[in-house]
Amino acid sequence: MNPFIFLIDIIFQLYATALLIRLLLQWVRADFYNPVSQFIVKITNPPVIPLRKIIPGFAGIDIATLLLAFLVLAIKTMLVYQTIEPLAVGIIAIGQTLILAISIFLYSIIIQAILSWVNPDPYNPIVALLNSLTFPVLKHFKRLVPPISGMDISPIFAIITLMFVQYSIRYIFATVFGISL
């Protein structure tokens, strides 16, 4: 692999991740005075603020941030795959946006589960943010899967389900569109 393609891929992927984290933190109404939230907001504000003046939110979803994440992934797709065919770029970017959003939840749950083994400070900004981010997903699994001998295994089922959804999206894109995500 060309090292410059790798660098482009990483830079665009990280920025799209920051945009989607911002979107998800807004969606779960996380504490925006949290230092981690402030960092995410500061690095994503320059393009998001002007775009919000043109594209309003809808039903509590920041459409401008979602569109920007999609555009960042579309530009990355054009640069990495060296194609400008709009339909192919759009389809790949939609798939990558879905996979990335699910990955954010997936890795947040994994990190939160690992941190639970060491009994972290609940006032730690990262722990508080992870709790806010994972609660909407984990609350359903906590209701379905009761603790066994005092051990909460609901994150395992949440991780398996999120991975299943990711694999399903990849399978659909591969079989329907012939695109490997």
N, C-alpha and C. Protein backbone atom coordinates (compact mmCIF):
# COMPACT_ATOMS: atom_id res chain seq x y z
N MET A 1 0.85 -1.19 0.00
CA MET A 1 0.00 0.00 0.00
C MET A 1 0.89 1.24 0.00
N ASN A 2 0.48 2.21 -0.76
CA ASN A 2 1.18 3.48 -0.84
C ASN A 2 1.09 4.18 0.52
N PRO A 3 2.22 4.63 1.09
CA PRO A 3 2.18 5.26 2.42
C PRO A 3 1.37 6.56 2.43
N PHE A 4 1.32 7.27 1.31
CA PHE A 4 0.54 8.50 1.26
C PHE A 4 -0.97 8.21 1.27
N ILE A 5 -1.35 7.12 0.62
CA ILE A 5 -2.75 6.70 0.65
C ILE A 5 -3.13 6.32 2.08
N PHE A 6 -2.22 5.62 2.75
CA PHE A 6 -2.44 5.24 4.15
C PHE A 6 -2.63 6.50 5.00
N LEU A 7 -1.78 7.49 4.81
CA LEU A 7 -1.85 8.73 5.59
C LEU A 7 -3.16 9.48 5.32
N ILE A 8 -3.54 9.57 4.06
CA ILE A 8 -4.81 10.21 3.70
C ILE A 8 -5.97 9.47 4.35
N ASP A 9 -5.95 8.14 4.25
CA ASP A 9 -7.00 7.31 4.82
C ASP A 9 -7.14 7.57 6.33
N ILE A 10 -6.04 7.58 7.04
CA ILE A 10 -6.07 7.76 8.50
C ILE A 10 -6.56 9.16 8.87
N ILE A 11 -6.06 10.18 8.22
CA ILE A 11 -6.44 11.55 8.55
C ILE A 11 -7.94 11.78 8.33
N PHE A 12 -8.44 11.35 7.17
CA PHE A 12 -9.86 11.54 6.88
C PHE A 12 -10.73 10.67 7.80
N GLN A 13 -10.28 9.46 8.09
CA GLN A 13 -11.03 8.56 8.97
C GLN A 13 -11.11 9.14 10.38
N LEU A 14 -10.01 9.68 10.88
CA LEU A 14 -10.01 10.26 12.22
C LEU A 14 -10.94 11.48 12.31
N TYR A 15 -10.91 12.31 11.28
CA TYR A 15 -11.78 13.49 11.32
C TYR A 15 -13.26 13.10 11.20
N ALA A 16 -13.56 12.13 10.35
CA ALA A 16 -14.94 11.64 10.24
C ALA A 16 -15.38 11.02 11.57
N THR A 17 -14.46 10.33 12.24
CA THR A 17 -14.77 9.76 13.56
C THR A 17 -15.09 10.86 14.56
N ALA A 18 -14.29 11.93 14.55
CA ALA A 18 -14.55 13.05 15.46
C ALA A 18 -15.92 13.67 15.17
N LEU A 19 -16.26 13.81 13.90
CA LEU A 19 -17.57 14.38 13.54
C LEU A 19 -18.71 13.47 14.01
N LEU A 20 -18.56 12.17 13.81
CA LEU A 20 -19.63 11.25 14.24
C LEU A 20 -19.71 11.15 15.76
N ILE A 21 -18.57 11.25 16.44
CA ILE A 21 -18.62 11.28 17.91
C ILE A 21 -19.37 12.52 18.37
N ARG A 22 -19.10 13.65 17.72
CA ARG A 22 -19.82 14.88 18.06
C ARG A 22 -21.33 14.68 17.86
N LEU A 23 -21.69 14.10 16.74
CA LEU A 23 -23.10 13.86 16.43
C LEU A 23 -23.73 12.94 17.48
N LEU A 24 -23.04 11.87 17.82
CA LEU A 24 -23.58 10.91 18.79
C LEU A 24 -23.64 11.51 20.20
N LEU A 25 -22.66 12.34 20.56
CA LEU A 25 -22.70 12.99 21.87
C LEU A 25 -23.87 13.96 21.95
N GLN A 26 -24.17 14.63 20.85
CA GLN A 26 -25.35 15.51 20.83
C GLN A 26 -26.62 14.67 20.94
N TRP A 27 -26.64 13.56 20.25
CA TRP A 27 -27.82 12.69 20.24
C TRP A 27 -28.13 12.15 21.63
N VAL A 28 -27.08 11.74 22.38
CA VAL A 28 -27.29 11.19 23.72
C VAL A 28 -27.33 12.28 24.79
N ARG A 29 -27.19 13.52 24.36
CA ARG A 29 -27.19 14.68 25.27
C ARG A 29 -26.11 14.55 26.34
N ALA A 30 -24.91 14.27 25.89
CA ALA A 30 -23.78 14.15 26.81
C ALA A 30 -23.40 15.52 27.36
N ASP A 31 -22.65 15.53 28.42
CA ASP A 31 -22.20 16.76 29.06
C ASP A 31 -21.17 17.45 28.16
N PHE A 32 -21.54 18.61 27.63
CA PHE A 32 -20.62 19.30 26.73
C PHE A 32 -19.63 20.19 27.48
N TYR A 33 -19.68 20.18 28.80
CA TYR A 33 -18.65 20.85 29.59
C TYR A 33 -17.52 19.89 29.91
N ASN A 34 -17.70 18.65 29.56
CA ASN A 34 -16.66 17.62 29.72
C ASN A 34 -15.47 18.01 28.84
N PRO A 35 -14.23 17.91 29.34
CA PRO A 35 -13.06 18.32 28.54
C PRO A 35 -12.92 17.54 27.23
N VAL A 36 -13.30 16.27 27.23
CA VAL A 36 -13.22 15.48 26.00
C VAL A 36 -14.25 16.00 25.00
N SER A 37 -15.45 16.28 25.46
CA SER A 37 -16.48 16.85 24.58
C SER A 37 -16.03 18.19 24.03
N GLN A 38 -15.43 19.01 24.88
CA GLN A 38 -14.94 20.32 24.43
C GLN A 38 -13.89 20.17 23.35
N PHE A 39 -13.00 19.18 23.49
CA PHE A 39 -11.99 18.93 22.46
C PHE A 39 -12.64 18.56 21.14
N ILE A 40 -13.60 17.64 21.18
CA ILE A 40 -14.30 17.21 19.97
C ILE A 40 -15.01 18.40 19.31
N VAL A 41 -15.68 19.21 20.12
CA VAL A 41 -16.39 20.37 19.58
C VAL A 41 -15.41 21.36 18.95
N LYS A 42 -14.30 21.61 19.61
CA LYS A 42 -13.34 22.60 19.08
C LYS A 42 -12.71 22.16 17.76
N ILE A 43 -12.42 20.88 17.61
CA ILE A 43 -11.79 20.45 16.35
C ILE A 43 -12.80 20.29 15.21
N THR A 44 -14.08 20.21 15.56
CA THR A 44 -15.09 20.05 14.51
C THR A 44 -15.88 21.33 14.23
N ASN A 45 -15.76 22.33 15.09
CA ASN A 45 -16.52 23.57 14.91
C ASN A 45 -16.24 24.32 13.61
N PRO A 46 -14.98 24.46 13.18
CA PRO A 46 -14.74 25.30 11.99
C PRO A 46 -15.59 24.94 10.76
N PRO A 47 -15.73 23.68 10.39
CA PRO A 47 -16.61 23.42 9.24
C PRO A 47 -18.09 23.26 9.62
N VAL A 48 -18.37 22.86 10.86
CA VAL A 48 -19.76 22.58 11.25
C VAL A 48 -20.57 23.86 11.42
N ILE A 49 -20.01 24.87 12.05
CA ILE A 49 -20.75 26.11 12.33
C ILE A 49 -21.27 26.76 11.04
N PRO A 50 -20.42 26.98 10.00
CA PRO A 50 -20.97 27.57 8.77
C PRO A 50 -22.00 26.68 8.07
N LEU A 51 -21.78 25.37 8.13
CA LEU A 51 -22.70 24.44 7.48
C LEU A 51 -24.06 24.42 8.17
N ARG A 52 -24.07 24.62 9.49
CA ARG A 52 -25.32 24.65 10.25
C ARG A 52 -26.20 25.84 9.85
N LYS A 53 -25.57 26.91 9.37
CA LYS A 53 -26.35 28.08 8.93
C LYS A 53 -27.14 27.76 7.67
N ILE A 54 -26.64 26.80 6.89
CA ILE A 54 -27.28 26.43 5.64
C ILE A 54 -28.21 25.23 5.84
N ILE A 55 -27.76 24.26 6.65
CA ILE A 55 -28.52 23.01 6.83
C ILE A 55 -28.96 22.91 8.29
N PRO A 56 -30.26 23.06 8.54
CA PRO A 56 -30.74 22.96 9.93
C PRO A 56 -30.83 21.51 10.39
N GLY A 57 -30.92 21.35 11.69
CA GLY A 57 -31.11 20.02 12.25
C GLY A 57 -32.54 19.54 12.03
N PHE A 58 -32.76 18.26 12.22
CA PHE A 58 -34.10 17.70 12.04
C PHE A 58 -34.31 16.61 13.09
N ALA A 59 -35.38 16.71 13.84
CA ALA A 59 -35.78 15.72 14.84
C ALA A 59 -34.65 15.44 15.84
N GLY A 60 -33.95 16.48 16.25
CA GLY A 60 -32.88 16.33 17.22
C GLY A 60 -31.57 15.79 16.65
N ILE A 61 -31.50 15.64 15.34
CA ILE A 61 -30.28 15.15 14.70
C ILE A 61 -29.61 16.31 13.98
N ASP A 62 -28.34 16.48 14.23
CA ASP A 62 -27.56 17.53 13.60
C ASP A 62 -27.21 17.09 12.17
N ILE A 63 -28.06 17.42 11.23
CA ILE A 63 -27.90 16.98 9.84
C ILE A 63 -26.61 17.55 9.23
N ALA A 64 -26.23 18.76 9.61
CA ALA A 64 -25.01 19.37 9.07
C ALA A 64 -23.78 18.54 9.43
N THR A 65 -23.70 18.10 10.67
CA THR A 65 -22.55 17.29 11.11
C THR A 65 -22.57 15.92 10.43
N LEU A 66 -23.74 15.33 10.31
CA LEU A 66 -23.86 14.03 9.63
C LEU A 66 -23.45 14.16 8.17
N LEU A 67 -23.92 15.19 7.50
CA LEU A 67 -23.57 15.41 6.09
C LEU A 67 -22.07 15.66 5.94
N LEU A 68 -21.50 16.41 6.88
CA LEU A 68 -20.06 16.68 6.81
C LEU A 68 -19.25 15.40 6.99
N ALA A 69 -19.67 14.54 7.92
CA ALA A 69 -18.98 13.25 8.10
C ALA A 69 -19.07 12.42 6.82
N PHE A 70 -20.26 12.40 6.21
CA PHE A 70 -20.45 11.70 4.94
C PHE A 70 -19.53 12.28 3.86
N LEU A 71 -19.45 13.61 3.77
CA LEU A 71 -18.60 14.26 2.75
C LEU A 71 -17.12 13.97 2.98
N VAL A 72 -16.70 13.97 4.23
CA VAL A 72 -15.30 13.65 4.55
C VAL A 72 -14.99 12.23 4.09
N LEU A 73 -15.89 11.31 4.36
CA LEU A 73 -15.68 9.91 3.93
C LEU A 73 -15.78 9.77 2.42
N ALA A 74 -16.61 10.58 1.78
CA ALA A 74 -16.71 10.55 0.31
C ALA A 74 -15.41 11.07 -0.32
N ILE A 75 -14.86 12.14 0.22
CA ILE A 75 -13.58 12.67 -0.29
C ILE A 75 -12.48 11.65 -0.07
N LYS A 76 -12.48 11.03 1.11
CA LYS A 76 -11.48 9.98 1.39
C LYS A 76 -11.61 8.85 0.37
N THR A 77 -12.83 8.46 0.08
CA THR A 77 -13.08 7.39 -0.89
C THR A 77 -12.53 7.77 -2.27
N MET A 78 -12.78 9.00 -2.68
CA MET A 78 -12.28 9.45 -3.99
C MET A 78 -10.76 9.42 -4.03
N LEU A 79 -10.12 9.84 -2.93
CA LEU A 79 -8.66 9.89 -2.90
C LEU A 79 -8.04 8.50 -2.78
N VAL A 80 -8.62 7.66 -1.94
CA VAL A 80 -8.04 6.34 -1.71
C VAL A 80 -8.30 5.40 -2.89
N TYR A 81 -9.55 5.37 -3.37
CA TYR A 81 -9.89 4.47 -4.48
C TYR A 81 -9.64 5.10 -5.84
N GLN A 82 -9.27 6.36 -5.84
CA GLN A 82 -8.95 7.11 -7.06
C GLN A 82 -10.07 6.99 -8.09
N THR A 83 -11.28 7.30 -7.63
CA THR A 83 -12.45 7.29 -8.50
C THR A 83 -13.27 8.54 -8.25
N ILE A 84 -13.96 8.99 -9.26
CA ILE A 84 -14.84 10.14 -9.10
C ILE A 84 -16.26 9.82 -9.54
N GLU A 85 -16.55 8.55 -9.75
CA GLU A 85 -17.90 8.15 -10.13
C GLU A 85 -18.83 8.43 -8.94
N PRO A 86 -19.76 9.39 -9.09
CA PRO A 86 -20.55 9.85 -7.94
C PRO A 86 -21.37 8.75 -7.25
N LEU A 87 -21.97 7.87 -8.02
CA LEU A 87 -22.80 6.82 -7.41
C LEU A 87 -21.95 5.87 -6.56
N ALA A 88 -20.82 5.43 -7.09
CA ALA A 88 -19.94 4.52 -6.35
C ALA A 88 -19.40 5.19 -5.09
N VAL A 89 -18.96 6.44 -5.23
CA VAL A 89 -18.42 7.18 -4.08
C VAL A 89 -19.50 7.35 -3.02
N GLY A 90 -20.70 7.70 -3.44
CA GLY A 90 -21.81 7.88 -2.49
C GLY A 90 -22.17 6.61 -1.77
N ILE A 91 -22.25 5.51 -2.50
CA ILE A 91 -22.60 4.23 -1.88
C ILE A 91 -21.53 3.80 -0.88
N ILE A 92 -20.27 3.92 -1.28
CA ILE A 92 -19.18 3.54 -0.37
C ILE A 92 -19.19 4.43 0.87
N ALA A 93 -19.39 5.74 0.69
CA ALA A 93 -19.39 6.67 1.82
C ALA A 93 -20.55 6.40 2.77
N ILE A 94 -21.71 6.03 2.24
CA ILE A 94 -22.85 5.68 3.10
C ILE A 94 -22.50 4.46 3.95
N GLY A 95 -21.96 3.44 3.30
CA GLY A 95 -21.56 2.23 4.03
C GLY A 95 -20.50 2.52 5.09
N GLN A 96 -19.51 3.32 4.72
CA GLN A 96 -18.45 3.66 5.68
C GLN A 96 -18.98 4.48 6.85
N THR A 97 -19.94 5.36 6.58
CA THR A 97 -20.54 6.16 7.66
C THR A 97 -21.29 5.26 8.64
N LEU A 98 -22.06 4.32 8.11
CA LEU A 98 -22.78 3.38 8.98
C LEU A 98 -21.82 2.52 9.81
N ILE A 99 -20.82 1.97 9.14
CA ILE A 99 -19.84 1.12 9.83
C ILE A 99 -19.10 1.91 10.91
N LEU A 100 -18.72 3.15 10.60
CA LEU A 100 -17.99 3.98 11.56
C LEU A 100 -18.85 4.32 12.77
N ALA A 101 -20.11 4.66 12.55
CA ALA A 101 -21.00 4.98 13.67
C ALA A 101 -21.16 3.76 14.59
N ILE A 102 -21.34 2.60 14.01
CA ILE A 102 -21.46 1.38 14.81
C ILE A 102 -20.15 1.08 15.53
N SER A 103 -19.03 1.32 14.87
CA SER A 103 -17.72 1.09 15.48
C SER A 103 -17.51 1.98 16.70
N ILE A 104 -18.00 3.19 16.64
CA ILE A 104 -17.86 4.09 17.79
C ILE A 104 -18.58 3.50 19.00
N PHE A 105 -19.80 3.02 18.80
CA PHE A 105 -20.52 2.37 19.91
C PHE A 105 -19.80 1.11 20.35
N LEU A 106 -19.34 0.31 19.40
CA LEU A 106 -18.68 -0.95 19.69
C LEU A 106 -17.43 -0.74 20.54
N TYR A 107 -16.56 0.14 20.10
CA TYR A 107 -15.31 0.38 20.85
C TYR A 107 -15.57 1.08 22.18
N SER A 108 -16.60 1.91 22.23
CA SER A 108 -16.94 2.55 23.50
C SER A 108 -17.37 1.52 24.53
N ILE A 109 -18.16 0.55 24.10
CA ILE A 109 -18.60 -0.51 25.02
C ILE A 109 -17.42 -1.37 25.44
N ILE A 110 -16.53 -1.70 24.52
CA ILE A 110 -15.35 -2.50 24.86
C ILE A 110 -14.47 -1.76 25.86
N ILE A 111 -14.21 -0.49 25.60
CA ILE A 111 -13.37 0.30 26.52
C ILE A 111 -14.03 0.42 27.88
N GLN A 112 -15.34 0.65 27.89
CA GLN A 112 -16.06 0.75 29.15
C GLN A 112 -16.02 -0.56 29.92
N ALA A 113 -16.14 -1.68 29.23
CA ALA A 113 -16.08 -2.99 29.89
C ALA A 113 -14.69 -3.23 30.49
N ILE A 114 -13.66 -2.90 29.74
CA ILE A 114 -12.29 -3.08 30.26
C ILE A 114 -12.05 -2.16 31.45
N LEU A 115 -12.51 -0.92 31.37
CA LEU A 115 -12.34 0.00 32.49
C LEU A 115 -13.09 -0.46 33.73
N SER A 116 -14.21 -1.16 33.54
CA SER A 116 -14.98 -1.62 34.69
C SER A 116 -14.20 -2.65 35.52
N TRP A 117 -13.23 -3.30 34.91
CA TRP A 117 -12.42 -4.28 35.64
C TRP A 117 -11.50 -3.61 36.66
N VAL A 118 -11.12 -2.36 36.42
CA VAL A 118 -10.18 -1.67 37.31
C VAL A 118 -10.87 -0.65 38.20
N ASN A 119 -12.21 -0.63 38.17
CA ASN A 119 -13.00 0.28 39.00
C ASN A 119 -12.53 1.73 38.86
N PRO A 120 -12.77 2.34 37.71
CA PRO A 120 -12.28 3.70 37.48
C PRO A 120 -13.06 4.73 38.29
N ASP A 121 -12.47 5.90 38.41
CA ASP A 121 -13.12 7.02 39.08
C ASP A 121 -14.34 7.44 38.26
N PRO A 122 -15.54 7.39 38.84
CA PRO A 122 -16.73 7.73 38.06
C PRO A 122 -16.78 9.19 37.63
N TYR A 123 -15.95 10.03 38.24
CA TYR A 123 -15.92 11.44 37.87
C TYR A 123 -14.88 11.74 36.80
N ASN A 124 -14.16 10.70 36.37
CA ASN A 124 -13.21 10.87 35.28
C ASN A 124 -13.98 11.28 34.03
N PRO A 125 -13.50 12.32 33.30
CA PRO A 125 -14.25 12.80 32.13
C PRO A 125 -14.48 11.74 31.06
N ILE A 126 -13.51 10.86 30.85
CA ILE A 126 -13.67 9.83 29.81
C ILE A 126 -14.70 8.80 30.25
N VAL A 127 -14.67 8.42 31.51
CA VAL A 127 -15.63 7.44 32.02
C VAL A 127 -17.05 7.99 31.93
N ALA A 128 -17.23 9.25 32.31
CA ALA A 128 -18.55 9.87 32.24
C ALA A 128 -19.05 9.93 30.80
N LEU A 129 -18.15 10.26 29.88
CA LEU A 129 -18.53 10.34 28.48
C LEU A 129 -18.89 8.96 27.92
N LEU A 130 -18.10 7.95 28.27
CA LEU A 130 -18.40 6.59 27.83
C LEU A 130 -19.75 6.12 28.36
N ASN A 131 -20.04 6.45 29.62
CA ASN A 131 -21.33 6.08 30.19
C ASN A 131 -22.47 6.74 29.42
N SER A 132 -22.31 8.02 29.10
CA SER A 132 -23.34 8.73 28.34
C SER A 132 -23.52 8.14 26.95
N LEU A 133 -22.42 7.80 26.32
CA LEU A 133 -22.46 7.31 24.94
C LEU A 133 -23.02 5.90 24.84
N THR A 134 -22.68 5.05 25.79
CA THR A 134 -23.09 3.65 25.69
C THR A 134 -24.46 3.36 26.31
N PHE A 135 -24.95 4.26 27.14
CA PHE A 135 -26.23 4.01 27.82
C PHE A 135 -27.38 3.71 26.86
N PRO A 136 -27.57 4.48 25.76
CA PRO A 136 -28.70 4.18 24.88
C PRO A 136 -28.66 2.77 24.28
N VAL A 137 -27.47 2.23 24.07
CA VAL A 137 -27.36 0.89 23.52
C VAL A 137 -27.48 -0.16 24.62
N LEU A 138 -26.75 0.05 25.70
CA LEU A 138 -26.70 -0.95 26.76
C LEU A 138 -27.99 -1.08 27.57
N LYS A 139 -28.79 -0.02 27.64
CA LYS A 139 -30.01 -0.11 28.46
C LYS A 139 -30.95 -1.21 27.98
N HIS A 140 -31.01 -1.42 26.67
CA HIS A 140 -31.88 -2.47 26.14
C HIS A 140 -31.34 -3.86 26.50
N PHE A 141 -30.03 -4.01 26.43
CA PHE A 141 -29.43 -5.31 26.75
C PHE A 141 -29.48 -5.60 28.25
N LYS A 142 -29.34 -4.56 29.07
CA LYS A 142 -29.43 -4.75 30.51
C LYS A 142 -30.83 -5.21 30.91
N ARG A 143 -31.84 -4.77 30.17
CA ARG A 143 -33.21 -5.18 30.43
C ARG A 143 -33.43 -6.63 30.02
N LEU A 144 -32.80 -7.05 28.92
CA LEU A 144 -33.00 -8.40 28.39
C LEU A 144 -32.12 -9.45 29.08
N VAL A 145 -30.91 -9.05 29.46
CA VAL A 145 -29.95 -10.00 30.03
C VAL A 145 -29.68 -9.62 31.49
N PRO A 146 -30.27 -10.36 32.43
CA PRO A 146 -30.03 -10.03 33.84
C PRO A 146 -28.61 -10.41 34.26
N PRO A 147 -28.10 -9.76 35.30
CA PRO A 147 -26.77 -10.13 35.80
C PRO A 147 -26.75 -11.58 36.28
N ILE A 148 -25.66 -12.26 36.03
CA ILE A 148 -25.50 -13.65 36.45
C ILE A 148 -24.45 -13.67 37.56
N SER A 149 -24.85 -14.09 38.74
CA SER A 149 -23.98 -14.11 39.93
C SER A 149 -23.35 -12.74 40.17
N GLY A 150 -24.13 -11.71 39.96
CA GLY A 150 -23.65 -10.35 40.20
C GLY A 150 -22.79 -9.79 39.08
N MET A 151 -22.63 -10.54 38.00
CA MET A 151 -21.78 -10.09 36.89
C MET A 151 -22.66 -9.66 35.72
N ASP A 152 -22.47 -8.44 35.27
CA ASP A 152 -23.24 -7.90 34.15
C ASP A 152 -22.60 -8.35 32.83
N ILE A 153 -23.29 -9.24 32.14
CA ILE A 153 -22.75 -9.73 30.86
C ILE A 153 -23.46 -9.10 29.66
N SER A 154 -24.31 -8.12 29.92
CA SER A 154 -25.03 -7.47 28.82
C SER A 154 -24.09 -6.81 27.80
N PRO A 155 -22.92 -6.26 28.20
CA PRO A 155 -22.02 -5.70 27.18
C PRO A 155 -21.56 -6.75 26.15
N ILE A 156 -21.42 -8.00 26.58
CA ILE A 156 -21.01 -9.05 25.64
C ILE A 156 -22.06 -9.22 24.55
N PHE A 157 -23.33 -9.24 24.95
CA PHE A 157 -24.40 -9.39 23.97
C PHE A 157 -24.53 -8.15 23.09
N ALA A 158 -24.27 -6.97 23.67
CA ALA A 158 -24.30 -5.74 22.88
C ALA A 158 -23.19 -5.75 21.83
N ILE A 159 -22.00 -6.19 22.23
CA ILE A 159 -20.86 -6.26 21.31
C ILE A 159 -21.15 -7.25 20.19
N ILE A 160 -21.67 -8.41 20.54
CA ILE A 160 -22.00 -9.42 19.52
C ILE A 160 -23.04 -8.88 18.55
N THR A 161 -24.06 -8.21 19.07
CA THR A 161 -25.11 -7.66 18.21
C THR A 161 -24.56 -6.57 17.29
N LEU A 162 -23.75 -5.67 17.83
CA LEU A 162 -23.17 -4.60 17.00
C LEU A 162 -22.25 -5.17 15.92
N MET A 163 -21.48 -6.20 16.28
CA MET A 163 -20.62 -6.84 15.28
C MET A 163 -21.45 -7.54 14.21
N PHE A 164 -22.55 -8.16 14.62
CA PHE A 164 -23.46 -8.81 13.66
C PHE A 164 -24.03 -7.78 12.69
N VAL A 165 -24.41 -6.62 13.20
CA VAL A 165 -24.96 -5.56 12.34
C VAL A 165 -23.88 -5.06 11.37
N GLN A 166 -22.66 -4.90 11.88
CA GLN A 166 -21.56 -4.48 11.00
C GLN A 166 -21.32 -5.49 9.88
N TYR A 167 -21.24 -6.76 10.24
CA TYR A 167 -21.02 -7.80 9.24
C TYR A 167 -22.18 -7.86 8.25
N SER A 168 -23.40 -7.65 8.75
CA SER A 168 -24.57 -7.64 7.86
C SER A 168 -24.49 -6.51 6.86
N ILE A 169 -24.10 -5.32 7.32
CA ILE A 169 -23.95 -4.17 6.42
C ILE A 169 -22.88 -4.46 5.38
N ARG A 170 -21.76 -5.00 5.82
CA ARG A 170 -20.68 -5.34 4.88
C ARG A 170 -21.15 -6.39 3.86
N TYR A 171 -21.89 -7.37 4.33
CA TYR A 171 -22.40 -8.43 3.46
C TYR A 171 -23.38 -7.87 2.43
N ILE A 172 -24.27 -7.01 2.89
CA ILE A 172 -25.25 -6.40 1.97
C ILE A 172 -24.53 -5.56 0.92
N PHE A 173 -23.58 -4.77 1.33
CA PHE A 173 -22.86 -3.93 0.36
C PHE A 173 -22.04 -4.79 -0.61
N ALA A 174 -21.50 -5.90 -0.12
CA ALA A 174 -20.72 -6.77 -0.99
C ALA A 174 -21.60 -7.51 -1.98
N THR A 175 -22.74 -8.01 -1.53
CA THR A 175 -23.60 -8.78 -2.42
C THR A 175 -24.44 -7.93 -3.35
N VAL A 176 -24.97 -6.83 -2.85
CA VAL A 176 -25.85 -5.98 -3.66
C VAL A 176 -25.05 -5.06 -4.58
N PHE A 177 -24.01 -4.43 -4.03
CA PHE A 177 -23.28 -3.43 -4.80
C PHE A 177 -21.92 -3.92 -5.30
N GLY A 178 -21.46 -5.05 -4.79
CA GLY A 178 -20.14 -5.55 -5.16
C GLY A 178 -19.02 -4.72 -4.60
N ILE A 179 -19.29 -4.09 -3.43
CA ILE A 179 -18.33 -3.18 -2.80
C ILE A 179 -17.90 -3.79 -1.47
N SER A 180 -16.60 -3.87 -1.27
CA SER A 180 -16.06 -4.37 -0.01
C SER A 180 -15.75 -3.18 0.89
N LEU A 181 -16.40 -3.14 2.06
CA LEU A 181 -16.18 -2.04 3.00
C LEU A 181 -15.15 -2.42 4.03
